Amino acid sequence: MAIENYPKKSITLKNHETADQIASPLANFFKTLSDPTRLRIILAIGTTSLSVNEISTIINMSQSSVSHQLRILRDNHLVISQRFGQHIHYQLTDQHVLTILENSLDHISES
C-alpha cells in the first residue's frame, strides 16, 4: 500500500502536554512491554486474576522470577494485586494493554 493511502492519524496531547513531555513515559511503557517474560505474564493474566504460583506454573518459571517481573509491571501500573486470604492475585490494571498487544499483533501479521 502506498504511503498516501494510509489513514492520517495523530496523537492528541492532553492538558497542554508537549511531545517532549510524553516521549519519556511512552518510551518507558514500551520498554516495560519489551520483555518476553513480562509479555507472557500479561497474556496469562489477560482474562483472569492469578496468584504468583499459578502464573509460574503457566509460564514455567520460578516464583521468584515471576515475582520480580510482577513488581516491575506493578511499578509501571500495568498490573494490580488483590489479597485473597494468604494469597495475592494479580490482574491487569485495565484492558488497554491487551488492546495495544492485539493492535501490535495485527500490525506485525500484515503482509
C-alpha atoms as a PDB file:
ATOM      1  CA  MET A   1       0.000   0.000   0.000  1.00  0.00           C
ATOM      2  CA  ALA A   2       1.340   3.405  -0.946  1.00  0.00           C
ATOM      3  CA  ILE A   3       2.049   5.876   1.837  1.00  0.00           C
ATOM      4  CA  GLU A   4      -0.583   8.299   0.567  1.00  0.00           C
ATOM      5  CA  ASN A   5      -3.249   5.587   1.068  1.00  0.00           C
ATOM      6  CA  TYR A   6      -2.622   5.221   4.809  1.00  0.00           C
ATOM      7  CA  PRO A   7      -5.195   6.904   7.042  1.00  0.00           C
ATOM      8  CA  LYS A   8      -3.892  10.046   8.674  1.00  0.00           C
ATOM      9  CA  LYS A   9      -3.850   9.812  12.482  1.00  0.00           C
ATOM     10  CA  SER A  10      -2.269  11.919  15.166  1.00  0.00           C
ATOM     11  CA  ILE A  11      -1.877  11.568  18.899  1.00  0.00           C
ATOM     12  CA  THR A  12      -3.945  14.087  20.790  1.00  0.00           C
ATOM     13  CA  LEU A  13      -1.974  15.678  23.601  1.00  0.00           C
ATOM     14  CA  LYS A  14      -3.926  16.353  26.794  1.00  0.00           C
ATOM     15  CA  ASN A  15      -3.789  19.336  29.136  1.00  0.00           C
ATOM     16  CA  HIS A  16      -1.271  21.297  27.074  1.00  0.00           C
ATOM     17  CA  GLU A  17       1.244  18.445  27.036  1.00  0.00           C
ATOM     18  CA  THR A  18       4.076  18.599  24.554  1.00  0.00           C
ATOM     19  CA  ALA A  19       5.610  15.727  22.637  1.00  0.00           C
ATOM     20  CA  ASP A  20       8.733  16.113  24.785  1.00  0.00           C
ATOM     21  CA  GLN A  21       6.674  15.629  27.963  1.00  0.00           C
ATOM     22  CA  ILE A  22       5.063  12.377  26.823  1.00  0.00           C
ATOM     23  CA  ALA A  23       8.017  10.834  24.956  1.00  0.00           C
ATOM     24  CA  SER A  24       9.820   9.556  28.045  1.00  0.00           C
ATOM     25  CA  PRO A  25       6.788   7.963  29.792  1.00  0.00           C
ATOM     26  CA  LEU A  26       5.670   6.445  26.495  1.00  0.00           C
ATOM     27  CA  ALA A  27       9.130   5.004  25.834  1.00  0.00           C
ATOM     28  CA  ASN A  28       9.190   3.604  29.380  1.00  0.00           C
ATOM     29  CA  PHE A  29       5.795   1.953  28.790  1.00  0.00           C
ATOM     30  CA  PHE A  30       7.069   0.202  25.662  1.00  0.00           C
ATOM     31  CA  LYS A  31      10.321  -0.705  27.400  1.00  0.00           C
ATOM     32  CA  THR A  32       8.283  -2.425  30.108  1.00  0.00           C
ATOM     33  CA  LEU A  33       6.370  -4.368  27.459  1.00  0.00           C
ATOM     34  CA  SER A  34       9.534  -5.286  25.553  1.00  0.00           C
ATOM     35  CA  ASP A  35      10.492  -8.150  27.875  1.00  0.00           C
ATOM     36  CA  PRO A  36       9.214 -11.586  26.691  1.00  0.00           C
ATOM     37  CA  THR A  37       8.669 -12.818  30.259  1.00  0.00           C
ATOM     38  CA  ARG A  38       6.542  -9.804  31.116  1.00  0.00           C
ATOM     39  CA  LEU A  39       4.534 -10.302  27.927  1.00  0.00           C
ATOM     40  CA  ARG A  40       3.930 -13.944  28.855  1.00  0.00           C
ATOM     41  CA  ILE A  41       2.712 -12.843  32.299  1.00  0.00           C
ATOM     42  CA  ILE A  42       0.411 -10.224  30.763  1.00  0.00           C
ATOM     43  CA  LEU A  43      -1.059 -12.820  28.415  1.00  0.00           C
ATOM     44  CA  ALA A  44      -1.547 -15.264  31.314  1.00  0.00           C
ATOM     45  CA  ILE A  45      -3.486 -12.746  33.401  1.00  0.00           C
ATOM     46  CA  GLY A  46      -5.258 -11.118  30.460  1.00  0.00           C
ATOM     47  CA  THR A  47      -8.630 -12.692  31.239  1.00  0.00           C
ATOM     48  CA  THR A  48      -8.431 -13.654  34.912  1.00  0.00           C
ATOM     49  CA  SER A  49      -6.570 -12.904  38.117  1.00  0.00           C
ATOM     50  CA  LEU A  50      -3.893 -15.401  39.126  1.00  0.00           C
ATOM     51  CA  SER A  51      -1.515 -15.979  42.023  1.00  0.00           C
ATOM     52  CA  VAL A  52       2.265 -15.997  41.594  1.00  0.00           C
ATOM     53  CA  ASN A  53       2.204 -19.792  41.939  1.00  0.00           C
ATOM     54  CA  GLU A  54      -0.387 -20.129  39.174  1.00  0.00           C
ATOM     55  CA  ILE A  55       1.483 -17.742  36.888  1.00  0.00           C
ATOM     56  CA  SER A  56       4.799 -19.517  37.478  1.00  0.00           C
ATOM     57  CA  THR A  57       3.174 -22.843  36.580  1.00  0.00           C
ATOM     58  CA  ILE A  58       1.600 -21.451  33.405  1.00  0.00           C
ATOM     59  CA  ILE A  59       4.774 -19.815  32.093  1.00  0.00           C
ATOM     60  CA  ASN A  60       7.128 -22.446  33.558  1.00  0.00           C
ATOM     61  CA  MET A  61       9.341 -20.096  35.581  1.00  0.00           C
ATOM     62  CA  SER A  62      10.357 -19.885  39.216  1.00  0.00           C
ATOM     63  CA  GLN A  63       8.110 -17.995  41.608  1.00  0.00           C
ATOM     64  CA  SER A  64      10.919 -15.589  42.482  1.00  0.00           C
ATOM     65  CA  SER A  65      11.453 -14.703  38.798  1.00  0.00           C
ATOM     66  CA  VAL A  66       7.716 -14.185  38.308  1.00  0.00           C
ATOM     67  CA  SER A  67       7.524 -12.049  41.458  1.00  0.00           C
ATOM     68  CA  HIS A  68      10.375  -9.871  40.206  1.00  0.00           C
ATOM     69  CA  GLN A  69       8.654  -9.304  36.861  1.00  0.00           C
ATOM     70  CA  LEU A  70       5.304  -8.654  38.549  1.00  0.00           C
ATOM     71  CA  ARG A  71       6.933  -5.962  40.677  1.00  0.00           C
ATOM     72  CA  ILE A  72       8.150  -4.226  37.500  1.00  0.00           C
ATOM     73  CA  LEU A  73       4.680  -4.499  35.950  1.00  0.00           C
ATOM     74  CA  ARG A  74       3.071  -3.209  39.158  1.00  0.00           C
ATOM     75  CA  ASP A  75       5.546  -0.311  39.464  1.00  0.00           C
ATOM     76  CA  ASN A  76       4.626   0.690  35.911  1.00  0.00           C
ATOM     77  CA  HIS A  77       0.883   0.491  36.649  1.00  0.00           C
ATOM     78  CA  LEU A  78       0.191  -2.400  34.277  1.00  0.00           C
ATOM     79  CA  VAL A  79      -0.978  -4.868  36.927  1.00  0.00           C
ATOM     80  CA  ILE A  80      -2.711  -4.592  40.276  1.00  0.00           C
ATOM     81  CA  SER A  81      -2.775  -7.021  43.156  1.00  0.00           C
ATOM     82  CA  GLN A  82      -5.517  -8.108  45.500  1.00  0.00           C
ATOM     83  CA  ARG A  83      -5.209 -10.270  48.599  1.00  0.00           C
ATOM     84  CA  PHE A  84      -7.426 -13.354  48.996  1.00  0.00           C
ATOM     85  CA  GLY A  85      -6.611 -14.821  52.407  1.00  0.00           C
ATOM     86  CA  GLN A  86      -2.938 -15.761  52.289  1.00  0.00           C
ATOM     87  CA  HIS A  87      -2.726 -15.483  48.507  1.00  0.00           C
ATOM     88  CA  ILE A  88      -2.190 -12.397  46.392  1.00  0.00           C
ATOM     89  CA  HIS A  89      -3.751 -12.433  42.941  1.00  0.00           C
ATOM     90  CA  TYR A  90      -2.613 -10.261  40.057  1.00  0.00           C
ATOM     91  CA  GLN A  91      -4.640  -8.885  37.186  1.00  0.00           C
ATOM     92  CA  LEU A  92      -4.249  -6.248  34.507  1.00  0.00           C
ATOM     93  CA  THR A  93      -4.973  -2.712  35.613  1.00  0.00           C
ATOM     94  CA  ASP A  94      -7.249  -2.342  32.598  1.00  0.00           C
ATOM     95  CA  GLN A  95      -7.810  -3.804  29.152  1.00  0.00           C
ATOM     96  CA  HIS A  96      -5.827  -1.100  27.320  1.00  0.00           C
ATOM     97  CA  VAL A  97      -2.693  -3.244  27.454  1.00  0.00           C
ATOM     98  CA  LEU A  98      -4.430  -6.138  25.698  1.00  0.00           C
ATOM     99  CA  THR A  99      -5.765  -3.743  23.065  1.00  0.00           C
ATOM    100  CA  ILE A 100      -2.236  -2.477  22.420  1.00  0.00           C
ATOM    101  CA  LEU A 101      -0.958  -6.058  22.122  1.00  0.00           C
ATOM    102  CA  GLU A 102      -3.807  -7.009  19.755  1.00  0.00           C
ATOM    103  CA  ASN A 103      -3.077  -3.965  17.566  1.00  0.00           C
ATOM    104  CA  SER A 104       0.622  -4.826  17.590  1.00  0.00           C
ATOM    105  CA  LEU A 105      -0.104  -8.407  16.524  1.00  0.00           C
ATOM    106  CA  ASP A 106      -2.326  -7.113  13.722  1.00  0.00           C
ATOM    107  CA  HIS A 107       0.479  -4.834  12.611  1.00  0.00           C
ATOM    108  CA  ILE A 108       3.216  -7.489  12.545  1.00  0.00           C
ATOM    109  CA  SER A 109       0.965 -10.008  10.788  1.00  0.00           C
ATOM    110  CA  GLU A 110       0.266  -7.643   7.867  1.00  0.00           C
ATOM    111  CA  SER A 111       1.934  -8.693   4.669  1.00  0.00           C
END
